[in-house]
Amino acid sequence: MFESFNNLLLVSLFLWLTVLIFLIFILIAIRGKAKIRRHKLTINNVKNKSNKAAMFIDADNTNCIFMDKIVENLGQIQDSSLVYSCLYGLPASQKSWEKTAKQHNIQQKTLTNYVEGKNSTDFSIVIDCMDLLMNEDIDLFILVSSDSDFSGIVYRILQEGKTVVGMGKDDTPAIFRMACNQFFYLDDKSTSPSELKQVLEKLVTHYNGRIAYGKIKHMILNRFGLNMMGFNSFDQMLDTYGYYSTASGVILENHKRKKLK
């Protein structure tokens, strides 16, 4: 009887030991996967006491020709060390950036839109922002994009007491620009009010005071940074400089408005 009891006890102990070993292997595997996932976000160690910065570049929304301007803007950010920089985008975007990314030692994360209408690039940037926000001591987040969809993650980062710097083109929506602590424009466009006024006068004179709205808008936006000059819209700029657009899409001088009534 005692021998049967001892055998049963040994079997029970063996089963419990097997279960324990199995659970230990599961925990090791889970921790291992977590480490592998985190290691994808390569963080460079810095010895100085400056603020740690992370930069996220939206390759689908930013042309590689702006890289020099990005570097120039980074130089204006004081007391910060870039410990993480990554380029996010679909294969076509990544290909155009490949040479530039290697030259500037920027990681590349190539993505695929598995579902039509869903932007994998935006999702990936937001996820990695949250990962670093929650798990790393990052003081400054730099978002390079002209997409207003990132305004949400900007507000979330600010809630944690961190700083957000944005970089984008002149047509970047105000909701994203205004959400950032600081915003740098990437366009090398003129911001001279006097130059803008001279160009407008020449165009209107050249076309005898009647120039198509779409045509003049295209010419002006390609040359001048209206947002950088404080204008919220093209029409606001026209009104400021004494012009308006008719219902038929023609630009006229304001003093002619009364004559048409």
Protein backbone atom coordinates (compact mmCIF):
# COMPACT_ATOMS: atom_id res chain seq x y z
CA MET A 1 0.00 0.00 0.00
CA PHE A 2 2.81 2.35 0.98
CA GLU A 3 4.68 1.46 -2.17
CA SER A 4 1.64 2.41 -4.29
CA PHE A 5 1.32 5.69 -2.36
CA ASN A 6 4.98 6.49 -2.93
CA ASN A 7 4.65 5.75 -6.64
CA LEU A 8 1.61 8.00 -6.86
CA LEU A 9 3.49 10.77 -5.02
CA LEU A 10 6.43 10.46 -7.39
CA VAL A 11 4.15 10.63 -10.41
CA SER A 12 2.41 13.72 -9.00
CA LEU A 13 5.73 15.42 -8.30
CA PHE A 14 6.94 14.57 -11.79
CA LEU A 15 3.79 16.03 -13.34
CA TRP A 16 4.05 19.21 -11.27
CA LEU A 17 7.74 19.55 -12.17
CA THR A 18 6.90 19.09 -15.85
CA VAL A 19 4.22 21.78 -15.66
CA LEU A 20 6.64 24.14 -13.85
CA ILE A 21 9.36 23.65 -16.46
CA PHE A 22 6.81 24.20 -19.23
CA LEU A 23 5.66 27.48 -17.62
CA ILE A 24 9.27 28.64 -17.24
CA PHE A 25 9.89 28.02 -20.96
CA ILE A 26 6.76 29.99 -21.84
CA LEU A 27 7.89 32.95 -19.71
CA ILE A 28 11.35 32.87 -21.28
CA ALA A 29 9.81 32.79 -24.77
CA ILE A 30 7.48 35.72 -23.98
CA ARG A 31 10.31 37.82 -22.56
CA GLY A 32 12.48 36.90 -25.51
CA LYS A 33 9.84 38.09 -28.00
CA ALA A 34 9.43 41.32 -26.07
CA LYS A 35 13.17 41.95 -26.22
CA ILE A 36 13.30 41.21 -29.93
CA ARG A 37 10.43 43.61 -30.56
CA ARG A 38 12.04 46.36 -28.52
CA HIS A 39 15.44 45.87 -30.14
CA LYS A 40 13.96 46.90 -33.47
CA LEU A 41 13.95 50.44 -32.09
CA THR A 42 17.69 50.91 -31.87
CA ILE A 43 18.51 53.53 -29.26
CA ASN A 44 21.97 55.06 -29.36
CA ASN A 45 23.62 55.65 -26.01
CA VAL A 46 24.82 59.16 -25.20
CA LYS A 47 27.25 60.04 -22.41
CA ASN A 48 26.45 63.74 -22.11
CA LYS A 49 23.55 65.16 -20.11
CA SER A 50 21.71 66.70 -23.06
CA ASN A 51 18.09 65.91 -23.83
CA LYS A 52 17.51 62.70 -25.72
CA ALA A 53 15.67 63.19 -29.01
CA ALA A 54 13.89 60.74 -31.32
CA MET A 55 13.09 61.57 -34.95
CA PHE A 56 10.34 59.95 -37.03
CA ILE A 57 10.30 60.70 -40.77
CA ASP A 58 7.16 60.06 -42.83
CA ALA A 59 8.73 59.02 -46.15
CA ASP A 60 5.33 58.80 -47.85
CA ASN A 61 4.76 62.46 -47.07
CA THR A 62 8.28 63.92 -47.23
CA ASN A 63 10.61 64.07 -50.22
CA CYS A 64 14.27 63.16 -49.73
CA ILE A 65 15.28 66.50 -51.29
CA PHE A 66 14.39 68.08 -47.94
CA MET A 67 17.07 66.15 -46.02
CA ASP A 68 19.55 69.04 -46.03
CA LYS A 69 16.84 71.30 -44.61
CA ILE A 70 16.01 68.68 -41.95
CA VAL A 71 19.67 68.57 -40.91
CA GLU A 72 19.80 72.37 -40.85
CA ASN A 73 16.73 72.51 -38.61
CA LEU A 74 18.16 69.85 -36.29
CA GLY A 75 21.17 72.10 -35.82
CA GLN A 76 18.88 74.80 -34.43
CA ILE A 77 17.56 72.54 -31.66
CA GLN A 78 19.72 73.27 -28.63
CA ASP A 79 21.02 70.79 -26.01
CA SER A 80 19.66 67.67 -27.67
CA SER A 81 21.24 64.44 -28.82
CA LEU A 82 19.51 62.36 -31.49
CA VAL A 83 19.41 58.82 -30.10
CA TYR A 84 16.79 57.40 -32.47
CA SER A 85 15.99 58.23 -36.09
CA CYS A 86 13.86 56.14 -38.40
CA LEU A 87 12.31 56.49 -41.83
CA TYR A 88 8.82 55.01 -42.25
CA GLY A 89 7.16 54.37 -45.59
CA LEU A 90 5.87 52.10 -48.31
CA PRO A 91 8.39 50.37 -50.65
CA ALA A 92 8.25 53.07 -53.36
CA SER A 93 8.91 55.83 -50.83
CA GLN A 94 11.72 53.91 -49.14
CA LYS A 95 13.43 53.31 -52.47
CA SER A 96 13.65 57.02 -53.22
CA TRP A 97 15.08 57.62 -49.73
CA GLU A 98 17.49 54.66 -49.64
CA LYS A 99 20.72 56.48 -50.52
CA THR A 100 19.94 59.49 -48.35
CA ALA A 101 19.00 57.31 -45.36
CA LYS A 102 22.30 55.45 -45.53
CA GLN A 103 24.29 58.66 -45.81
CA HIS A 104 22.70 60.01 -42.64
CA ASN A 105 22.60 56.70 -40.74
CA ILE A 106 18.81 56.62 -40.52
CA GLN A 107 17.00 53.34 -39.88
CA GLN A 108 14.41 52.32 -42.48
CA LYS A 109 11.14 50.60 -41.72
CA THR A 110 9.41 49.44 -44.90
CA LEU A 111 5.68 48.92 -44.54
CA THR A 112 2.79 47.49 -46.54
CA ASN A 113 -0.85 48.56 -46.66
CA TYR A 114 -2.63 45.23 -46.29
CA VAL A 115 -6.05 46.89 -46.17
CA GLU A 116 -7.03 49.47 -48.78
CA GLY A 117 -7.57 52.90 -47.28
CA LYS A 118 -5.52 52.16 -44.14
CA ASN A 119 -2.19 53.95 -43.78
CA SER A 120 0.34 51.53 -42.28
CA THR A 121 3.00 54.24 -42.20
CA ASP A 122 1.00 56.51 -39.90
CA PHE A 123 0.06 53.60 -37.64
CA SER A 124 3.66 52.43 -37.33
CA ILE A 125 4.95 55.91 -36.45
CA VAL A 126 2.28 56.35 -33.77
CA ILE A 127 2.98 52.90 -32.28
CA ASP A 128 6.74 53.52 -32.11
CA CYS A 129 6.17 56.99 -30.62
CA MET A 130 4.09 55.43 -27.86
CA ASP A 131 6.68 52.66 -27.36
CA LEU A 132 9.48 55.16 -26.79
CA LEU A 133 7.22 57.46 -24.76
CA MET A 134 6.32 54.70 -22.32
CA ASN A 135 9.56 52.67 -22.24
CA GLU A 136 12.47 55.00 -22.95
CA ASP A 137 13.68 58.25 -21.43
CA ILE A 138 13.07 60.42 -24.50
CA ASP A 139 12.73 64.17 -23.90
CA LEU A 140 12.14 65.44 -27.43
CA PHE A 141 10.06 63.92 -30.23
CA ILE A 142 10.67 65.16 -33.79
CA LEU A 143 7.95 64.41 -36.34
CA VAL A 144 8.84 65.09 -39.99
CA SER A 145 5.59 65.09 -41.94
CA SER A 146 2.99 67.42 -43.45
CA ASP A 147 0.13 65.14 -42.36
CA SER A 148 -2.48 66.48 -39.92
CA ASP A 149 -3.20 62.92 -38.72
CA PHE A 150 -0.25 63.18 -36.33
CA SER A 151 -1.84 65.96 -34.28
CA GLY A 152 -3.37 63.34 -31.99
CA ILE A 153 -0.08 61.70 -31.03
CA VAL A 154 1.44 65.17 -30.54
CA TYR A 155 -1.16 66.00 -27.87
CA ARG A 156 -0.57 62.61 -26.20
CA ILE A 157 3.20 63.19 -26.02
CA LEU A 158 2.66 66.67 -24.61
CA GLN A 159 0.49 65.19 -21.84
CA GLU A 160 3.59 63.36 -20.59
CA GLY A 161 5.48 66.63 -20.30
CA LYS A 162 7.66 65.98 -23.34
CA THR A 163 8.54 68.40 -26.15
CA VAL A 164 7.44 67.96 -29.76
CA VAL A 165 9.09 69.57 -32.78
CA GLY A 166 7.41 69.29 -36.18
CA MET A 167 8.87 69.71 -39.65
CA GLY A 168 6.84 69.91 -42.83
CA LYS A 169 5.99 71.76 -45.99
CA ASP A 170 4.24 75.10 -46.26
CA ASP A 171 0.87 73.39 -46.83
CA THR A 172 1.02 71.50 -43.52
CA PRO A 173 -2.43 71.87 -41.85
CA ALA A 174 -2.56 74.33 -38.96
CA ILE A 175 -3.90 71.69 -36.53
CA PHE A 176 -0.56 69.85 -36.71
CA ARG A 177 1.66 72.94 -36.86
CA MET A 178 -0.02 74.61 -33.90
CA ALA A 179 0.02 71.45 -31.77
CA CYS A 180 3.83 71.26 -31.82
CA ASN A 181 5.99 73.24 -29.40
CA GLN A 182 8.00 74.35 -32.42
CA PHE A 183 7.52 73.88 -36.16
CA PHE A 184 10.12 74.20 -38.92
CA TYR A 185 9.17 74.67 -42.56
CA LEU A 186 11.05 72.58 -45.12
CA ASP A 187 10.13 74.65 -48.17
CA ASP A 188 12.74 77.07 -49.45
CA LYS A 189 10.11 79.63 -50.38
CA SER A 190 10.19 83.37 -50.16
CA THR A 191 8.52 85.00 -47.17
CA SER A 192 9.02 88.59 -48.28
CA PRO A 193 5.73 90.58 -48.27
CA SER A 194 7.18 93.27 -50.54
CA GLU A 195 8.34 90.67 -53.07
CA LEU A 196 4.92 89.00 -53.00
CA LYS A 197 3.18 92.33 -53.59
CA GLN A 198 5.48 93.11 -56.55
CA VAL A 199 4.85 89.71 -58.14
CA LEU A 200 1.09 90.10 -57.75
CA GLU A 201 1.17 93.55 -59.35
CA LYS A 202 3.25 92.32 -62.28
CA LEU A 203 0.98 89.33 -62.90
CA VAL A 204 -2.21 91.38 -62.78
CA THR A 205 -0.69 94.05 -65.05
CA HIS A 206 0.62 91.45 -67.48
CA TYR A 207 -2.82 89.89 -67.83
CA ASN A 208 -4.62 93.28 -68.00
CA GLY A 209 -6.17 92.87 -64.57
CA ARG A 210 -7.91 89.60 -65.42
CA ILE A 211 -5.97 86.44 -64.62
CA ALA A 212 -7.46 83.02 -63.94
CA TYR A 213 -7.71 82.18 -60.22
CA GLY A 214 -6.20 78.69 -60.55
CA LYS A 215 -3.29 79.98 -62.62
CA ILE A 216 -2.22 82.74 -60.27
CA LYS A 217 -2.72 80.51 -57.21
CA HIS A 218 -0.39 77.89 -58.67
CA MET A 219 2.26 80.51 -59.49
CA ILE A 220 2.12 82.11 -56.03
CA LEU A 221 2.08 78.91 -53.95
CA ASN A 222 5.06 77.52 -55.83
CA ARG A 223 7.11 80.58 -55.00
CA PHE A 224 5.89 81.92 -51.65
CA GLY A 225 5.25 80.37 -48.24
CA LEU A 226 1.90 81.92 -47.34
CA ASN A 227 1.56 80.06 -44.05
CA MET A 228 5.01 81.23 -43.04
CA MET A 229 3.86 84.80 -43.75
CA GLY A 230 0.82 84.49 -41.48
CA PHE A 231 -1.88 83.94 -44.11
CA ASN A 232 -4.44 81.23 -43.41
CA SER A 233 -5.61 81.04 -47.01
CA PHE A 234 -4.84 82.21 -50.53
CA ASP A 235 -8.02 84.33 -50.55
CA GLN A 236 -6.97 86.08 -47.34
CA MET A 237 -3.68 86.99 -49.00
CA LEU A 238 -5.50 88.37 -52.05
CA ASP A 239 -7.75 90.53 -49.91
CA THR A 240 -4.79 91.83 -47.90
CA TYR A 241 -3.06 93.01 -51.06
CA GLY A 242 -6.16 94.52 -52.62
CA TYR A 243 -7.45 91.78 -54.89
CA TYR A 244 -10.40 89.41 -54.97
CA SER A 245 -11.71 86.53 -57.06
CA THR A 246 -15.00 86.61 -58.96
CA ALA A 247 -17.51 83.79 -59.10
CA SER A 248 -16.12 82.86 -62.51
CA GLY A 249 -12.66 82.37 -61.03
CA VAL A 250 -11.01 85.57 -62.26
CA ILE A 251 -8.71 87.73 -60.13
CA LEU A 252 -9.61 91.44 -60.12
CA GLU A 253 -8.44 94.47 -58.17
CA ASN A 254 -10.69 95.45 -55.24
CA HIS A 255 -11.45 98.92 -56.60
CA LYS A 256 -13.21 97.27 -59.56
CA ARG A 257 -15.60 95.41 -57.29
CA LYS A 258 -17.93 98.42 -56.95
CA LYS A 259 -18.07 98.92 -60.70
CA LEU A 260 -19.44 95.41 -61.14
CA LYS A 261 -22.28 95.95 -58.66
